[in-house]
PDB file of N, CA and C in Angstrom:
ATOM      1  N   MET A   1      17.597 -44.598   0.546  1.00  0.00           N
ATOM      2  CA  MET A   1      16.516 -44.016   1.283  1.00  0.00           C
ATOM      3  C   MET A   1      15.187 -44.531   0.737  1.00  0.00           C
ATOM      4  N   LYS A   2      14.302 -44.948   1.624  1.00  0.00           N
ATOM      5  CA  LYS A   2      12.963 -45.357   1.225  1.00  0.00           C
ATOM      6  C   LYS A   2      11.994 -44.251   1.603  1.00  0.00           C
ATOM      7  N   LEU A   3      11.016 -44.015   0.722  1.00  0.00           N
ATOM      8  CA  LEU A   3      10.021 -42.979   0.959  1.00  0.00           C
ATOM      9  C   LEU A   3       8.623 -43.556   0.822  1.00  0.00           C
ATOM     10  N   SER A   4       7.676 -42.995   1.553  1.00  0.00           N
ATOM     11  CA  SER A   4       6.291 -43.437   1.429  1.00  0.00           C
ATOM     12  C   SER A   4       5.591 -42.731   0.267  1.00  0.00           C
ATOM     13  N   THR A   5       6.165 -41.645  -0.207  1.00  0.00           N
ATOM     14  CA  THR A   5       5.570 -40.876  -1.297  1.00  0.00           C
ATOM     15  C   THR A   5       5.572 -41.692  -2.587  1.00  0.00           C
ATOM     16  N   ARG A   6       4.442 -41.758  -3.252  1.00  0.00           N
ATOM     17  CA  ARG A   6       4.329 -42.519  -4.499  1.00  0.00           C
ATOM     18  C   ARG A   6       4.320 -41.623  -5.735  1.00  0.00           C
ATOM     19  N   ASN A   7       4.051 -40.337  -5.543  1.00  0.00           N
ATOM     20  CA  ASN A   7       3.999 -39.401  -6.669  1.00  0.00           C
ATOM     21  C   ASN A   7       5.328 -38.675  -6.785  1.00  0.00           C
ATOM     22  N   ILE A   8       6.213 -39.224  -7.605  1.00  0.00           N
ATOM     23  CA  ILE A   8       7.537 -38.649  -7.801  1.00  0.00           C
ATOM     24  C   ILE A   8       7.657 -38.250  -9.266  1.00  0.00           C
ATOM     25  N   VAL A   9       7.944 -36.951  -9.481  1.00  0.00           N
ATOM     26  CA  VAL A   9       8.042 -36.413 -10.837  1.00  0.00           C
ATOM     27  C   VAL A   9       9.472 -35.940 -11.060  1.00  0.00           C
ATOM     28  N   LYS A  10      10.111 -36.467 -12.111  1.00  0.00           N
ATOM     29  CA  LYS A  10      11.475 -36.062 -12.440  1.00  0.00           C
ATOM     30  C   LYS A  10      11.440 -34.918 -13.440  1.00  0.00           C
ATOM     31  N   GLY A  11      12.387 -33.994 -13.291  1.00  0.00           N
ATOM     32  CA  GLY A  11      12.446 -32.870 -14.208  1.00  0.00           C
ATOM     33  C   GLY A  11      13.766 -32.141 -14.103  1.00  0.00           C
ATOM     34  N   LYS A  12      13.799 -30.955 -14.731  1.00  0.00           N
ATOM     35  CA  LYS A  12      14.998 -30.120 -14.743  1.00  0.00           C
ATOM     36  C   LYS A  12      14.635 -28.743 -14.193  1.00  0.00           C
ATOM     37  N   VAL A  13      15.448 -28.214 -13.291  1.00  0.00           N
ATOM     38  CA  VAL A  13      15.212 -26.896 -12.716  1.00  0.00           C
ATOM     39  C   VAL A  13      15.418 -25.843 -13.805  1.00  0.00           C
ATOM     40  N   VAL A  14      14.394 -25.008 -14.013  1.00  0.00           N
ATOM     41  CA  VAL A  14      14.496 -23.951 -15.019  1.00  0.00           C
ATOM     42  C   VAL A  14      14.597 -22.565 -14.394  1.00  0.00           C
ATOM     43  N   ASP A  15      14.259 -22.441 -13.098  1.00  0.00           N
ATOM     44  CA  ASP A  15      14.355 -21.136 -12.444  1.00  0.00           C
ATOM     45  C   ASP A  15      14.293 -21.323 -10.931  1.00  0.00           C
ATOM     46  N   VAL A  16      15.082 -20.525 -10.220  1.00  0.00           N
ATOM     47  CA  VAL A  16      15.042 -20.495  -8.761  1.00  0.00           C
ATOM     48  C   VAL A  16      15.025 -19.029  -8.351  1.00  0.00           C
ATOM     49  N   LYS A  17      13.992 -18.628  -7.628  1.00  0.00           N
ATOM     50  CA  LYS A  17      13.897 -17.254  -7.142  1.00  0.00           C
ATOM     51  C   LYS A  17      13.695 -17.278  -5.637  1.00  0.00           C
ATOM     52  N   GLU A  18      14.656 -16.701  -4.915  1.00  0.00           N
ATOM     53  CA  GLU A  18      14.530 -16.598  -3.464  1.00  0.00           C
ATOM     54  C   GLU A  18      13.916 -15.252  -3.120  1.00  0.00           C
ATOM     55  N   ASP A  19      12.986 -15.267  -2.169  1.00  0.00           N
ATOM     56  CA  ASP A  19      12.327 -14.044  -1.718  1.00  0.00           C
ATOM     57  C   ASP A  19      12.164 -14.131  -0.207  1.00  0.00           C
ATOM     58  N   GLY A  20      13.155 -13.662   0.492  1.00  0.00           N
ATOM     59  CA  GLY A  20      13.110 -13.726   1.952  1.00  0.00           C
ATOM     60  C   GLY A  20      13.237 -15.151   2.452  1.00  0.00           C
ATOM     61  N   LEU A  21      12.234 -15.591   3.210  1.00  0.00           N
ATOM     62  CA  LEU A  21      12.270 -16.922   3.804  1.00  0.00           C
ATOM     63  C   LEU A  21      11.906 -18.034   2.832  1.00  0.00           C
ATOM     64  N   MET A  22      11.318 -17.685   1.685  1.00  0.00           N
ATOM     65  CA  MET A  22      10.821 -18.698   0.750  1.00  0.00           C
ATOM     66  C   MET A  22      11.566 -18.637  -0.582  1.00  0.00           C
ATOM     67  N   ALA A  23      11.555 -19.762  -1.280  1.00  0.00           N
ATOM     68  CA  ALA A  23      12.148 -19.849  -2.616  1.00  0.00           C
ATOM     69  C   ALA A  23      11.137 -20.510  -3.542  1.00  0.00           C
ATOM     70  N   LYS A  24      11.028 -19.991  -4.753  1.00  0.00           N
ATOM     71  CA  LYS A  24      10.138 -20.562  -5.766  1.00  0.00           C
ATOM     72  C   LYS A  24      11.020 -21.292  -6.772  1.00  0.00           C
ATOM     73  N   VAL A  25      10.812 -22.594  -6.895  1.00  0.00           N
ATOM     74  CA  VAL A  25      11.608 -23.429  -7.796  1.00  0.00           C
ATOM     75  C   VAL A  25      10.697 -23.910  -8.927  1.00  0.00           C
ATOM     76  N   LYS A  26      11.043 -23.548 -10.165  1.00  0.00           N
ATOM     77  CA  LYS A  26      10.270 -23.991 -11.317  1.00  0.00           C
ATOM     78  C   LYS A  26      10.989 -25.162 -11.968  1.00  0.00           C
ATOM     79  N   ILE A  27      10.214 -26.225 -12.250  1.00  0.00           N
ATOM     80  CA  ILE A  27      10.783 -27.471 -12.773  1.00  0.00           C
ATOM     81  C   ILE A  27      10.077 -27.835 -14.068  1.00  0.00           C
ATOM     82  N   ASP A  28      10.855 -28.030 -15.130  1.00  0.00           N
ATOM     83  CA  ASP A  28      10.303 -28.502 -16.401  1.00  0.00           C
ATOM     84  C   ASP A  28      10.174 -30.012 -16.307  1.00  0.00           C
ATOM     85  N   VAL A  29       8.923 -30.494 -16.313  1.00  0.00           N
ATOM     86  CA  VAL A  29       8.673 -31.926 -16.176  1.00  0.00           C
ATOM     87  C   VAL A  29       8.358 -32.581 -17.524  1.00  0.00           C
ATOM     88  N   GLY A  30       8.565 -31.850 -18.611  1.00  0.00           N
ATOM     89  CA  GLY A  30       8.382 -32.399 -19.950  1.00  0.00           C
ATOM     90  C   GLY A  30       7.090 -31.972 -20.611  1.00  0.00           C
ATOM     91  N   ASN A  31       7.085 -32.088 -21.925  1.00  0.00           N
ATOM     92  CA  ASN A  31       5.912 -31.761 -22.735  1.00  0.00           C
ATOM     93  C   ASN A  31       5.385 -30.360 -22.477  1.00  0.00           C
ATOM     94  N   GLY A  32       6.277 -29.421 -22.196  1.00  0.00           N
ATOM     95  CA  GLY A  32       5.875 -28.037 -21.962  1.00  0.00           C
ATOM     96  C   GLY A  32       5.241 -27.786 -20.607  1.00  0.00           C
ATOM     97  N   ASN A  33       5.320 -28.730 -19.702  1.00  0.00           N
ATOM     98  CA  ASN A  33       4.718 -28.586 -18.373  1.00  0.00           C
ATOM     99  C   ASN A  33       5.753 -28.125 -17.352  1.00  0.00           C
ATOM    100  N   ILE A  34       5.397 -27.064 -16.630  1.00  0.00           N
ATOM    101  CA  ILE A  34       6.261 -26.529 -15.582  1.00  0.00           C
ATOM    102  C   ILE A  34       5.575 -26.732 -14.245  1.00  0.00           C
ATOM    103  N   LEU A  35       6.260 -27.359 -13.314  1.00  0.00           N
ATOM    104  CA  LEU A  35       5.772 -27.548 -11.958  1.00  0.00           C
ATOM    105  C   LEU A  35       6.483 -26.514 -11.091  1.00  0.00           C
ATOM    106  N   THR A  36       5.755 -25.819 -10.232  1.00  0.00           N
ATOM    107  CA  THR A  36       6.355 -24.826  -9.348  1.00  0.00           C
ATOM    108  C   THR A  36       6.255 -25.302  -7.906  1.00  0.00           C
ATOM    109  N   ALA A  37       7.390 -25.323  -7.220  1.00  0.00           N
ATOM    110  CA  ALA A  37       7.438 -25.719  -5.815  1.00  0.00           C
ATOM    111  C   ALA A  37       7.857 -24.519  -4.981  1.00  0.00           C
ATOM    112  N   ILE A  38       7.149 -24.297  -3.875  1.00  0.00           N
ATOM    113  CA  ILE A  38       7.524 -23.263  -2.924  1.00  0.00           C
ATOM    114  C   ILE A  38       8.131 -23.973  -1.715  1.00  0.00           C
ATOM    115  N   VAL A  39       9.397 -23.686  -1.458  1.00  0.00           N
ATOM    116  CA  VAL A  39      10.107 -24.296  -0.339  1.00  0.00           C
ATOM    117  C   VAL A  39      10.798 -23.179   0.441  1.00  0.00           C
ATOM    118  N   THR A  40      11.294 -23.487   1.618  1.00  0.00           N
ATOM    119  CA  THR A  40      12.036 -22.465   2.348  1.00  0.00           C
ATOM    120  C   THR A  40      13.357 -22.195   1.625  1.00  0.00           C
ATOM    121  N   SER A  41      13.829 -20.966   1.751  1.00  0.00           N
ATOM    122  CA  SER A  41      15.125 -20.614   1.155  1.00  0.00           C
ATOM    123  C   SER A  41      16.226 -21.478   1.752  1.00  0.00           C
ATOM    124  N   GLU A  42      16.108 -21.776   3.034  1.00  0.00           N
ATOM    125  CA  GLU A  42      17.096 -22.628   3.705  1.00  0.00           C
ATOM    126  C   GLU A  42      17.137 -24.020   3.083  1.00  0.00           C
ATOM    127  N   ALA A  43      15.952 -24.590   2.777  1.00  0.00           N
ATOM    128  CA  ALA A  43      15.902 -25.919   2.154  1.00  0.00           C
ATOM    129  C   ALA A  43      16.534 -25.881   0.765  1.00  0.00           C
ATOM    130  N   ALA A  44      16.229 -24.837  -0.009  1.00  0.00           N
ATOM    131  CA  ALA A  44      16.804 -24.713  -1.356  1.00  0.00           C
ATOM    132  C   ALA A  44      18.331 -24.618  -1.283  1.00  0.00           C
ATOM    133  N   LYS A  45      18.825 -23.864  -0.315  1.00  0.00           N
ATOM    134  CA  LYS A  45      20.282 -23.735  -0.148  1.00  0.00           C
ATOM    135  C   LYS A  45      20.897 -25.049   0.320  1.00  0.00           C
ATOM    136  N   ASP A  46      20.254 -25.713   1.284  1.00  0.00           N
ATOM    137  CA  ASP A  46      20.775 -26.990   1.799  1.00  0.00           C
ATOM    138  C   ASP A  46      20.863 -28.030   0.689  1.00  0.00           C
ATOM    139  N   LEU A  47      19.866 -28.039  -0.205  1.00  0.00           N
ATOM    140  CA  LEU A  47      19.871 -28.986  -1.322  1.00  0.00           C
ATOM    141  C   LEU A  47      20.799 -28.535  -2.449  1.00  0.00           C
ATOM    142  N   GLY A  48      21.182 -27.263  -2.441  1.00  0.00           N
ATOM    143  CA  GLY A  48      22.037 -26.740  -3.506  1.00  0.00           C
ATOM    144  C   GLY A  48      21.305 -26.676  -4.837  1.00  0.00           C
ATOM    145  N   VAL A  49      20.017 -26.311  -4.800  1.00  0.00           N
ATOM    146  CA  VAL A  49      19.192 -26.279  -6.017  1.00  0.00           C
ATOM    147  C   VAL A  49      19.709 -25.195  -6.957  1.00  0.00           C
ATOM    148  N   LYS A  50      20.006 -25.602  -8.206  1.00  0.00           N
ATOM    149  CA  LYS A  50      20.535 -24.681  -9.210  1.00  0.00           C
ATOM    150  C   LYS A  50      19.835 -24.894 -10.544  1.00  0.00           C
ATOM    151  N   THR A  51      19.672 -23.809 -11.281  1.00  0.00           N
ATOM    152  CA  THR A  51      19.085 -23.875 -12.619  1.00  0.00           C
ATOM    153  C   THR A  51      19.893 -24.820 -13.502  1.00  0.00           C
ATOM    154  N   GLY A  52      19.183 -25.651 -14.263  1.00  0.00           N
ATOM    155  CA  GLY A  52      19.824 -26.552 -15.212  1.00  0.00           C
ATOM    156  C   GLY A  52      20.072 -27.951 -14.697  1.00  0.00           C
ATOM    157  N   GLU A  53      19.909 -28.169 -13.404  1.00  0.00           N
ATOM    158  CA  GLU A  53      20.187 -29.503 -12.879  1.00  0.00           C
ATOM    159  C   GLU A  53      18.921 -30.353 -12.806  1.00  0.00           C
ATOM    160  N   ASP A  54      19.127 -31.669 -12.803  1.00  0.00           N
ATOM    161  CA  ASP A  54      18.017 -32.604 -12.662  1.00  0.00           C
ATOM    162  C   ASP A  54      17.569 -32.621 -11.206  1.00  0.00           C
ATOM    163  N   ILE A  55      16.248 -32.806 -11.023  1.00  0.00           N
ATOM    164  CA  ILE A  55      15.692 -32.817  -9.675  1.00  0.00           C
ATOM    165  C   ILE A  55      14.428 -33.666  -9.673  1.00  0.00           C
ATOM    166  N   CYS A  56      14.037 -34.134  -8.519  1.00  0.00           N
ATOM    167  CA  CYS A  56      12.779 -34.870  -8.361  1.00  0.00           C
ATOM    168  C   CYS A  56      11.858 -34.076  -7.459  1.00  0.00           C
ATOM    169  N   ALA A  57      10.601 -33.980  -7.842  1.00  0.00           N
ATOM    170  CA  ALA A  57       9.575 -33.381  -6.994  1.00  0.00           C
ATOM    171  C   ALA A  57       8.764 -34.526  -6.405  1.00  0.00           C
ATOM    172  N   LEU A  58       8.654 -34.547  -5.093  1.00  0.00           N
ATOM    173  CA  LEU A  58       7.876 -35.573  -4.407  1.00  0.00           C
ATOM    174  C   LEU A  58       6.593 -34.912  -3.928  1.00  0.00           C
ATOM    175  N   ILE A  59       5.462 -35.449  -4.378  1.00  0.00           N
ATOM    176  CA  ILE A  59       4.180 -34.808  -4.104  1.00  0.00           C
ATOM    177  C   ILE A  59       3.339 -35.700  -3.207  1.00  0.00           C
ATOM    178  N   LYS A  60       2.953 -35.154  -2.071  1.00  0.00           N
ATOM    179  CA  LYS A  60       2.073 -35.867  -1.154  1.00  0.00           C
ATOM    180  C   LYS A  60       1.019 -34.856  -0.703  1.00  0.00           C
ATOM    181  N   ALA A  61      -0.207 -35.121  -1.038  1.00  0.00           N
ATOM    182  CA  ALA A  61      -1.280 -34.183  -0.718  1.00  0.00           C
ATOM    183  C   ALA A  61      -2.491 -34.934  -0.187  1.00  0.00           C
ATOM    184  N   THR A  62      -3.261 -34.253   0.636  1.00  0.00           N
ATOM    185  CA  THR A  62      -4.478 -34.863   1.163  1.00  0.00           C
ATOM    186  C   THR A  62      -5.664 -34.615   0.244  1.00  0.00           C
ATOM    187  N   SER A  63      -5.505 -33.668  -0.684  1.00  0.00           N
ATOM    188  CA  SER A  63      -6.588 -33.414  -1.646  1.00  0.00           C
ATOM    189  C   SER A  63      -6.001 -32.935  -2.957  1.00  0.00           C
ATOM    190  N   VAL A  64      -6.719 -33.195  -4.022  1.00  0.00           N
ATOM    191  CA  VAL A  64      -6.327 -32.747  -5.358  1.00  0.00           C
ATOM    192  C   VAL A  64      -7.546 -32.093  -5.986  1.00  0.00           C
ATOM    193  N   MET A  65      -7.353 -30.907  -6.547  1.00  0.00           N
ATOM    194  CA  MET A  65      -8.429 -30.208  -7.242  1.00  0.00           C
ATOM    195  C   MET A  65      -8.173 -30.265  -8.735  1.00  0.00           C
ATOM    196  N   LEU A  66      -9.203 -30.427  -9.493  1.00  0.00           N
ATOM    197  CA  LEU A  66      -9.094 -30.461 -10.950  1.00  0.00           C
ATOM    198  C   LEU A  66      -9.898 -29.315 -11.554  1.00  0.00           C
ATOM    199  N   GLY A  67      -9.456 -28.835 -12.693  1.00  0.00           N
ATOM    200  CA  GLY A  67     -10.188 -27.816 -13.427  1.00  0.00           C
ATOM    201  C   GLY A  67     -10.219 -28.172 -14.893  1.00  0.00           C
ATOM    202  N   LYS A  68     -11.267 -27.745 -15.564  1.00  0.00           N
ATOM    203  CA  LYS A  68     -11.406 -28.058 -16.983  1.00  0.00           C
ATOM    204  C   LYS A  68     -12.032 -26.871 -17.688  1.00  0.00           C
ATOM    205  N   GLU A  69     -11.455 -26.531 -18.832  1.00  0.00           N
ATOM    206  CA  GLU A  69     -12.004 -25.435 -19.635  1.00  0.00           C
ATOM    207  C   GLU A  69     -12.933 -25.966 -20.691  1.00  0.00           C
TER     208      GLU A  69
END
């Protein structure tokens, strides 16, 4: 499969919480960084997303916001 997305982050699923129509998937992407993806519960089930497995997050956005303390 070829994708146009250039921002692909590999990680490990550390938590999956389904809440009605949506599922929150937390991914450890290394160095103590956790990426959280909100997807439909149906998509999470179709992909068979489970805690402990390797996964890729594909990020495509029209804008990026930065913050600094």
